[in-house]
Amino acid sequence: MSRLILTDANLLDGLSPPVPGQTVVVEGDRIAAVGPHLPQPDDRVVPLGGRTVMPGMAMCHFHSTYRNVGSGPYGNEYPPSYQALIAHKNLLAALEHGYTTVVGAGAARDVEPGIKQAIDEGYVTGPRFWPSGRELSTTGHSNEMSAPWHWGLPTLGAARVCDGPEQFRFAVRDEVKRGVEVIKLFVTGGHGVLGSKDDMVMTRDELAAAIDTAHSRGVLVRGHLAGKEPIMTAIELGIDIVDHCDDMDDDVIAALVETGTYAVPSLQYPKAFAGLIEAFSPGGSAGIQESLHFMYEALPKADAAGVRLLLGDDYGGPGLDHGDYGGALHIYVEEAGISPLSVIRWATHHGAQLVGLGDQLGTVEPGKIADLLVIDGNPAQDISALADNPPVAVLKSGHVVAGALPA
């Protein structure tokens, strides 16, 4: 089998500042060597002309079934077969933008596990995928209250109602039986949904039961968490991922660092939602703007302290379409003042660690799986090179799955 030799690469390994003039050797699905290397007669040599080679990125908060059209983003108006096509289309969009790993954060109609199987068996193209299922929460939480009780409507396709610890235990086990690898809990309101960010819509016992059961089944568990006290409770009980984390003050930062809990700030959606509000009610987004500026100040402290921050957002929700992934990179660099290299580290090294593949993915090193991006420009110097255009080429396991290598 011929090897792929990428020469004259600006190597951005996922952890360190880029090094120009490097060679990356891909053999099969692995990175065989990095650095000076003499090609063999049957090698395929691709001069990159100074383009950047970096690891494939991880999108760690992803709603594949959300679609920002029609009556709502959740896909409840579509049958499961149609919903699966929407989900696969959105997963392809993520792959084409350089996200070779995607971690689910809630999806309708039980379609994600089947899509993962189709990807893994080579039936369709897609990223490495950790599928999610319906969001678990209690009677009367904000998503469940989207229609009056007297209408007699069934639960939303993206929500599953549980009441009491035993119902949460059963729901987690049933979701895992259906193929879910990431349990999503709807713990508080806030962050663009109805209800207060400070009110837990699950009891402590219900939250503990869900987390313990997920871990007993070997799957990740994440929660929609905006207010400080619910965040601290969830961290104490061992949740893996705090979604949104709007009240990320010094106490929360310290708890995240001590426990190694991951956090997905996901600021692109509230910023887009604020824009929608302002278009209809000037000044009506003051509360959202205040929360955004709080996070702009908190994130540099969290990053410096060593919080394991991740990329991802509510794409497909109101005002935020799938494919608009570069906006988050601009927000973290330009609004929050995080260095491009740090944000790239969130997307590569941290994402690989989350899914338990830190020894296989997330950096460009010999022996690791060849999930690689070829980028025009230097994103460690100018994040626009990564944010504003899809990669020139996306490689998954050493094969080009989007774009094309330079001739």
Protein backbone atom coordinates (compact mmCIF):
# COMPACT_ATOMS: atom_id res chain seq x y z
CA MET A 1 0.00 0.00 0.00
CA SER A 2 1.40 3.39 -0.98
CA ARG A 3 1.87 5.96 1.73
CA LEU A 4 0.64 9.55 1.69
CA ILE A 5 3.44 12.07 2.21
CA LEU A 6 2.35 15.64 3.00
CA THR A 7 5.37 17.88 2.52
CA ASP A 8 6.04 21.57 3.21
CA ALA A 9 3.32 21.62 5.87
CA ASN A 10 2.83 24.22 8.57
CA LEU A 11 2.35 21.66 11.35
CA LEU A 12 -0.16 22.58 14.06
CA ASP A 13 -0.10 19.51 16.27
CA GLY A 14 -3.07 20.49 18.48
CA LEU A 15 -1.02 21.49 21.53
CA SER A 16 1.94 23.63 20.46
CA PRO A 17 2.54 26.64 18.23
CA PRO A 18 2.84 25.69 14.55
CA VAL A 19 6.15 24.62 13.01
CA PRO A 20 6.65 25.35 9.29
CA GLY A 21 8.37 23.16 6.72
CA GLN A 22 7.29 19.82 8.19
CA THR A 23 6.43 16.48 6.59
CA VAL A 24 3.57 14.24 7.74
CA VAL A 25 3.61 10.59 6.62
CA VAL A 26 0.31 8.69 6.58
CA GLU A 27 0.36 4.91 6.23
CA GLY A 28 -2.99 3.18 6.20
CA ASP A 29 -5.17 4.81 8.83
CA ARG A 30 -2.26 6.01 10.98
CA ILE A 31 0.28 8.79 11.15
CA ALA A 32 3.55 6.94 10.52
CA ALA A 33 6.02 9.79 10.96
CA VAL A 34 6.30 13.54 11.47
CA GLY A 35 9.37 15.50 10.43
CA PRO A 36 12.03 15.06 7.76
CA HIS A 37 11.38 11.93 5.75
CA LEU A 38 12.60 10.50 2.45
CA PRO A 39 9.79 9.32 0.14
CA GLN A 40 9.84 5.82 -1.30
CA PRO A 41 9.20 5.13 -5.01
CA ASP A 42 5.52 4.19 -4.63
CA ASP A 43 4.62 6.96 -2.15
CA ARG A 44 2.05 9.60 -3.04
CA VAL A 45 3.79 12.91 -2.34
CA VAL A 46 1.60 16.01 -1.95
CA PRO A 47 3.44 19.33 -1.55
CA LEU A 48 1.22 21.61 0.54
CA GLY A 49 3.01 24.86 -0.19
CA GLY A 50 2.96 25.99 3.43
CA ARG A 51 -0.67 25.10 4.13
CA THR A 52 -1.46 24.10 7.71
CA VAL A 53 -1.93 20.49 8.77
CA MET A 54 -3.80 20.06 12.07
CA PRO A 55 -5.84 17.36 13.82
CA GLY A 56 -9.49 16.83 12.99
CA MET A 57 -11.72 18.73 15.41
CA ALA A 58 -14.44 17.54 17.79
CA MET A 59 -17.90 19.10 17.95
CA CYS A 60 -18.99 18.20 21.46
CA HIS A 61 -22.51 19.66 21.67
CA PHE A 62 -24.48 18.70 18.58
CA HIS A 63 -28.19 18.33 17.86
CA SER A 64 -28.23 16.41 14.61
CA THR A 65 -32.03 16.45 14.36
CA TYR A 66 -32.47 20.19 14.91
CA ARG A 67 -33.54 22.06 11.83
CA ASN A 68 -34.20 25.80 11.89
CA VAL A 69 -37.32 25.70 9.71
CA GLY A 70 -41.02 25.00 10.07
CA SER A 71 -42.78 24.93 13.41
CA GLY A 72 -39.70 24.35 15.51
CA PRO A 73 -36.13 23.03 15.59
CA TYR A 74 -36.79 19.66 17.18
CA GLY A 75 -38.09 17.78 14.15
CA ASN A 76 -41.33 16.73 15.80
CA GLU A 77 -43.28 17.34 12.60
CA TYR A 78 -41.23 14.74 10.68
CA PRO A 79 -41.45 10.93 10.71
CA PRO A 80 -38.34 9.07 11.92
CA SER A 81 -37.17 8.12 8.42
CA TYR A 82 -37.21 11.75 7.28
CA GLN A 83 -35.63 12.82 10.57
CA ALA A 84 -32.76 10.41 9.99
CA LEU A 85 -32.02 12.06 6.64
CA ILE A 86 -31.96 15.49 8.30
CA ALA A 87 -29.60 14.19 10.97
CA HIS A 88 -27.22 12.64 8.45
CA LYS A 89 -27.18 15.83 6.37
CA ASN A 90 -26.22 17.83 9.46
CA LEU A 91 -23.51 15.33 10.41
CA LEU A 92 -22.06 15.62 6.90
CA ALA A 93 -22.00 19.41 7.28
CA ALA A 94 -19.98 19.06 10.47
CA LEU A 95 -17.54 16.67 8.77
CA GLU A 96 -17.11 18.98 5.78
CA HIS A 97 -16.20 21.81 8.17
CA GLY A 98 -13.45 19.76 9.79
CA TYR A 99 -15.26 18.09 12.70
CA THR A 100 -14.19 14.48 12.35
CA THR A 101 -15.65 13.70 15.79
CA VAL A 102 -19.18 14.64 16.87
CA VAL A 103 -20.76 14.11 20.30
CA GLY A 104 -24.55 14.22 20.55
CA ALA A 105 -26.42 16.50 22.96
CA GLY A 106 -30.05 15.42 22.47
CA ALA A 107 -31.97 14.25 19.42
CA ALA A 108 -35.49 13.37 18.34
CA ARG A 109 -37.03 10.11 17.23
CA ASP A 110 -34.28 7.67 18.35
CA VAL A 111 -32.49 8.07 15.01
CA GLU A 112 -28.89 8.80 16.05
CA PRO A 113 -27.77 5.28 17.07
CA GLY A 114 -28.84 3.87 13.69
CA ILE A 115 -26.95 6.60 11.85
CA LYS A 116 -23.83 5.81 13.87
CA GLN A 117 -24.16 2.15 12.89
CA ALA A 118 -24.48 3.08 9.22
CA ILE A 119 -21.36 5.28 9.46
CA ASP A 120 -19.33 2.66 11.32
CA GLU A 121 -20.26 -0.06 8.82
CA GLY A 122 -19.33 2.16 5.86
CA TYR A 123 -22.85 2.41 4.47
CA VAL A 124 -22.78 6.23 4.60
CA THR A 125 -20.04 8.81 5.13
CA GLY A 126 -19.91 10.64 8.42
CA PRO A 127 -17.78 11.67 11.38
CA ARG A 128 -16.89 9.53 14.36
CA PHE A 129 -20.15 9.79 16.23
CA TRP A 130 -21.24 9.41 19.85
CA PRO A 131 -25.05 9.36 19.53
CA SER A 132 -27.53 10.80 21.98
CA GLY A 133 -31.24 10.34 22.46
CA ARG A 134 -34.16 12.15 23.99
CA GLU A 135 -33.50 14.74 26.71
CA LEU A 136 -34.58 13.39 30.08
CA SER A 137 -36.43 15.68 32.47
CA THR A 138 -39.54 15.93 34.62
CA THR A 139 -43.21 16.71 34.19
CA GLY A 140 -43.74 20.41 33.68
CA HIS A 141 -40.21 21.35 32.58
CA SER A 142 -40.01 24.10 29.98
CA ASN A 143 -39.83 21.90 26.87
CA GLU A 144 -42.64 19.68 28.11
CA MET A 145 -44.79 22.80 28.70
CA SER A 146 -44.63 23.90 25.06
CA ALA A 147 -48.30 22.93 24.63
CA PRO A 148 -51.14 23.30 27.20
CA TRP A 149 -51.86 20.15 29.18
CA HIS A 150 -55.52 20.10 28.11
CA TRP A 151 -54.53 19.62 24.48
CA GLY A 152 -53.59 16.07 25.38
CA LEU A 153 -50.54 16.07 23.13
CA PRO A 154 -47.79 13.45 23.53
CA THR A 155 -44.33 14.36 24.76
CA LEU A 156 -42.10 16.11 22.24
CA GLY A 157 -40.02 13.82 20.08
CA ALA A 158 -36.85 15.26 21.61
CA ALA A 159 -37.96 14.96 25.25
CA ARG A 160 -38.64 12.09 27.63
CA VAL A 161 -40.49 12.77 30.88
CA CYS A 162 -39.45 10.98 34.06
CA ASP A 163 -40.56 11.52 37.67
CA GLY A 164 -38.67 10.03 40.58
CA PRO A 165 -35.25 8.34 40.76
CA GLU A 166 -36.51 4.94 39.59
CA GLN A 167 -38.08 6.38 36.45
CA PHE A 168 -34.79 8.09 35.65
CA ARG A 169 -32.91 4.83 36.20
CA PHE A 170 -35.26 3.02 33.85
CA ALA A 171 -35.10 5.79 31.21
CA VAL A 172 -31.31 5.82 31.19
CA ARG A 173 -31.17 2.04 30.84
CA ASP A 174 -33.76 2.10 28.06
CA GLU A 175 -31.96 4.86 26.16
CA VAL A 176 -28.71 2.87 26.38
CA LYS A 177 -30.58 -0.22 25.11
CA ARG A 178 -31.61 1.85 22.08
CA GLY A 179 -27.94 2.59 21.35
CA VAL A 180 -27.46 5.94 23.06
CA GLU A 181 -23.89 6.67 24.19
CA VAL A 182 -24.50 10.14 25.66
CA ILE A 183 -27.38 10.67 28.09
CA LYS A 184 -28.75 14.23 28.00
CA LEU A 185 -30.46 15.65 31.10
CA PHE A 186 -32.53 18.82 31.12
CA VAL A 187 -31.67 20.08 34.61
CA THR A 188 -32.45 23.84 34.59
CA GLY A 189 -34.01 26.53 32.47
CA GLY A 190 -32.00 29.48 31.23
CA HIS A 191 -29.65 29.79 28.26
CA GLY A 192 -32.33 30.52 25.70
CA VAL A 193 -35.09 28.31 27.06
CA LEU A 194 -38.06 29.04 29.32
CA GLY A 195 -37.69 28.81 33.06
CA SER A 196 -35.18 30.20 35.52
CA LYS A 197 -31.55 29.23 35.25
CA ASP A 198 -31.46 28.79 39.04
CA ASP A 199 -34.33 26.31 39.38
CA MET A 200 -33.50 22.62 39.18
CA VAL A 201 -36.38 20.86 37.46
CA MET A 202 -34.93 17.57 38.70
CA THR A 203 -34.43 16.72 42.37
CA ARG A 204 -30.98 15.91 43.69
CA ASP A 205 -31.99 12.25 44.04
CA GLU A 206 -33.26 12.13 40.46
CA LEU A 207 -30.06 13.71 39.16
CA ALA A 208 -27.90 11.33 41.18
CA ALA A 209 -29.86 8.32 39.95
CA ALA A 210 -29.49 9.37 36.31
CA ILE A 211 -25.75 10.02 36.61
CA ASP A 212 -25.00 6.83 38.54
CA THR A 213 -27.01 4.70 36.14
CA ALA A 214 -25.35 6.20 33.07
CA HIS A 215 -21.92 5.51 34.52
CA SER A 216 -22.92 1.98 35.48
CA ARG A 217 -23.71 1.42 31.80
CA GLY A 218 -20.43 2.97 30.66
CA VAL A 219 -21.90 5.99 28.86
CA LEU A 220 -21.35 9.73 29.18
CA VAL A 221 -23.92 11.96 30.87
CA ARG A 222 -24.39 15.66 30.22
CA GLY A 223 -26.80 18.31 31.46
CA HIS A 224 -28.38 21.58 30.38
CA LEU A 225 -27.11 23.63 33.34
CA ALA A 226 -27.13 27.41 33.61
CA GLY A 227 -27.41 28.46 37.28
CA LYS A 228 -24.59 28.21 39.80
CA GLU A 229 -26.12 25.99 42.48
CA PRO A 230 -27.44 23.36 40.03
CA ILE A 231 -24.06 23.42 38.25
CA MET A 232 -22.22 22.83 41.52
CA THR A 233 -24.62 20.02 42.48
CA ALA A 234 -24.20 18.29 39.14
CA ILE A 235 -20.41 18.54 39.33
CA GLU A 236 -20.47 17.13 42.87
CA LEU A 237 -22.60 14.19 41.71
CA GLY A 238 -20.16 13.37 38.89
CA ILE A 239 -21.74 14.65 35.70
CA ASP A 240 -19.34 14.41 32.74
CA ILE A 241 -20.29 17.52 30.75
CA VAL A 242 -21.82 20.81 31.89
CA ASP A 243 -23.63 22.32 28.93
CA HIS A 244 -23.71 26.14 28.81
CA CYS A 245 -22.43 26.79 32.38
CA ASP A 246 -23.71 30.39 32.33
CA ASP A 247 -22.75 31.10 35.96
CA MET A 248 -19.09 30.14 35.55
CA ASP A 249 -17.70 32.11 38.50
CA ASP A 250 -14.53 31.37 40.48
CA ASP A 251 -16.22 28.66 42.57
CA VAL A 252 -17.51 26.87 39.49
CA ILE A 253 -14.12 27.15 37.79
CA ALA A 254 -12.40 25.63 40.83
CA ALA A 255 -14.90 22.75 40.95
CA LEU A 256 -14.51 22.04 37.23
CA VAL A 257 -10.73 21.94 37.56
CA GLU A 258 -10.74 19.77 40.69
CA THR A 259 -13.06 17.16 39.20
CA GLY A 260 -11.92 17.34 35.57
CA THR A 261 -15.51 17.93 34.46
CA TYR A 262 -15.91 19.20 30.90
CA ALA A 263 -17.80 22.40 30.03
CA VAL A 264 -19.29 23.56 26.72
CA PRO A 265 -19.86 27.35 26.92
CA SER A 266 -21.88 27.43 23.66
CA LEU A 267 -22.15 31.21 23.36
CA GLN A 268 -23.02 31.40 19.68
CA TYR A 269 -26.68 30.51 20.19
CA PRO A 270 -27.49 33.14 22.85
CA LYS A 271 -25.71 35.75 20.75
CA ALA A 272 -27.78 34.79 17.70
CA PHE A 273 -30.96 34.62 19.77
CA ALA A 274 -30.27 38.09 21.17
CA GLY A 275 -30.06 39.35 17.61
CA LEU A 276 -33.50 37.92 16.86
CA ILE A 277 -34.96 39.59 19.94
CA GLU A 278 -33.42 42.96 19.09
CA ALA A 279 -34.93 42.83 15.61
CA PHE A 280 -38.43 42.76 17.12
CA SER A 281 -37.90 44.48 20.47
CA PRO A 282 -34.93 46.86 20.67
CA GLY A 283 -33.38 46.60 24.12
CA GLY A 284 -35.21 43.36 24.87
CA SER A 285 -32.05 41.28 24.93
CA ALA A 286 -30.39 43.14 27.81
CA GLY A 287 -30.40 40.08 30.08
CA ILE A 288 -28.82 37.86 27.43
CA GLN A 289 -26.20 40.51 26.67
CA GLU A 290 -25.33 40.75 30.36
CA SER A 291 -24.88 36.98 30.57
CA LEU A 292 -22.71 36.98 27.44
CA HIS A 293 -20.38 39.65 28.81
CA PHE A 294 -20.11 37.74 32.09
CA MET A 295 -18.94 34.71 30.14
CA TYR A 296 -16.55 36.75 28.01
CA GLU A 297 -14.78 37.69 31.25
CA ALA A 298 -15.03 34.24 32.84
CA LEU A 299 -13.70 32.13 29.97
CA PRO A 300 -10.11 33.45 29.94
CA LYS A 301 -9.91 32.69 33.67
CA ALA A 302 -11.35 29.23 33.14
CA ASP A 303 -8.96 28.51 30.27
CA ALA A 304 -5.94 29.71 32.26
CA ALA A 305 -7.01 27.62 35.27
CA GLY A 306 -7.14 24.44 33.16
CA VAL A 307 -10.87 23.87 32.74
CA ARG A 308 -11.45 21.29 30.02
CA LEU A 309 -13.48 23.47 27.66
CA LEU A 310 -15.10 22.13 24.48
CA LEU A 311 -16.65 23.42 21.27
CA GLY A 312 -20.28 22.90 20.30
CA ASP A 313 -23.59 24.75 20.29
CA ASP A 314 -27.34 24.58 19.61
CA TYR A 315 -27.05 24.59 15.83
CA GLY A 316 -30.43 24.23 14.20
CA GLY A 317 -32.13 26.27 16.94
CA PRO A 318 -33.81 29.62 16.20
CA GLY A 319 -31.38 31.95 14.47
CA LEU A 320 -28.49 29.49 14.25
CA ASP A 321 -28.23 27.14 11.28
CA HIS A 322 -26.13 24.04 10.88
CA GLY A 323 -23.00 24.95 8.96
CA ASP A 324 -22.51 28.25 10.81
CA TYR A 325 -19.84 26.64 12.97
CA GLY A 326 -17.14 29.26 12.44
CA GLY A 327 -19.04 31.89 14.39
CA ALA A 328 -18.17 30.20 17.68
CA LEU A 329 -14.45 30.40 16.89
CA HIS A 330 -14.74 34.13 16.23
CA ILE A 331 -16.68 34.69 19.46
CA TYR A 332 -14.16 32.93 21.68
CA VAL A 333 -11.17 34.64 20.08
CA GLU A 334 -12.54 38.11 19.37
CA GLU A 335 -15.14 38.62 22.11
CA ALA A 336 -13.72 36.54 24.96
CA GLY A 337 -10.06 37.15 24.10
CA ILE A 338 -8.98 33.51 24.08
CA SER A 339 -5.92 32.80 21.95
CA PRO A 340 -6.62 30.91 18.70
CA LEU A 341 -4.21 28.18 19.80
CA SER A 342 -6.19 27.61 23.01
CA VAL A 343 -9.50 27.39 21.17
CA ILE A 344 -7.95 24.92 18.72
CA ARG A 345 -6.79 22.89 21.72
CA TRP A 346 -10.40 22.77 22.99
CA ALA A 347 -11.49 21.45 19.60
CA THR A 348 -8.78 18.83 19.21
CA HIS A 349 -7.00 17.63 22.36
CA HIS A 350 -9.91 18.19 24.78
CA GLY A 351 -12.46 16.65 22.43
CA ALA A 352 -10.37 13.51 22.03
CA GLN A 353 -10.00 13.21 25.79
CA LEU A 354 -13.76 13.52 26.31
CA VAL A 355 -14.52 10.46 24.19
CA GLY A 356 -11.72 8.44 25.75
CA LEU A 357 -9.46 8.54 22.71
CA GLY A 358 -6.80 10.98 23.86
CA ASP A 359 -4.15 8.37 23.03
CA GLN A 360 -5.56 7.91 19.51
CA LEU A 361 -6.85 11.30 18.34
CA GLY A 362 -6.52 15.02 18.99
CA THR A 363 -2.87 15.62 18.11
CA VAL A 364 -0.61 15.03 15.11
CA GLU A 365 1.84 12.42 16.40
CA PRO A 366 3.27 9.15 15.07
CA GLY A 367 1.02 6.21 15.85
CA LYS A 368 -2.19 8.20 16.12
CA ILE A 369 -5.19 7.83 13.84
CA ALA A 370 -4.83 10.04 10.76
CA ASP A 371 -7.80 12.36 11.27
CA LEU A 372 -6.27 15.46 9.70
CA LEU A 373 -7.25 18.82 8.23
CA VAL A 374 -5.43 20.78 5.53
CA ILE A 375 -6.09 24.50 5.95
CA ASP A 376 -5.28 27.49 3.78
CA GLY A 377 -3.50 29.94 6.05
CA ASN A 378 -2.42 29.72 9.69
CA PRO A 379 -5.39 29.46 12.11
CA ALA A 380 -3.09 29.74 15.13
CA GLN A 381 -2.31 33.27 13.96
CA ASP A 382 -5.66 34.17 12.37
CA ILE A 383 -8.71 32.14 13.40
CA SER A 384 -10.48 33.24 10.20
CA ALA A 385 -8.41 30.68 8.29
CA LEU A 386 -10.33 27.97 10.15
CA ALA A 387 -13.62 29.74 10.82
CA ASP A 388 -14.53 31.37 7.52
CA ASN A 389 -14.01 28.55 5.02
CA PRO A 390 -14.16 24.75 5.10
CA PRO A 391 -10.79 22.98 5.12
CA VAL A 392 -9.08 22.35 1.80
CA ALA A 393 -9.19 18.66 2.70
CA VAL A 394 -10.59 16.58 5.56
CA LEU A 395 -8.99 13.19 6.22
CA LYS A 396 -10.59 10.54 8.43
CA SER A 397 -8.48 7.45 9.12
CA GLY A 398 -6.10 8.55 6.35
CA HIS A 399 -8.78 8.86 3.65
CA VAL A 400 -10.02 12.12 2.16
CA VAL A 401 -13.73 12.38 3.12
CA ALA A 402 -14.34 16.05 2.23
CA GLY A 403 -12.57 18.55 -0.04
CA ALA A 404 -9.50 17.45 -1.95
CA LEU A 405 -5.75 17.45 -1.47
CA PRO A 406 -3.81 19.92 -3.64
CA ALA A 407 -2.84 18.48 -7.00
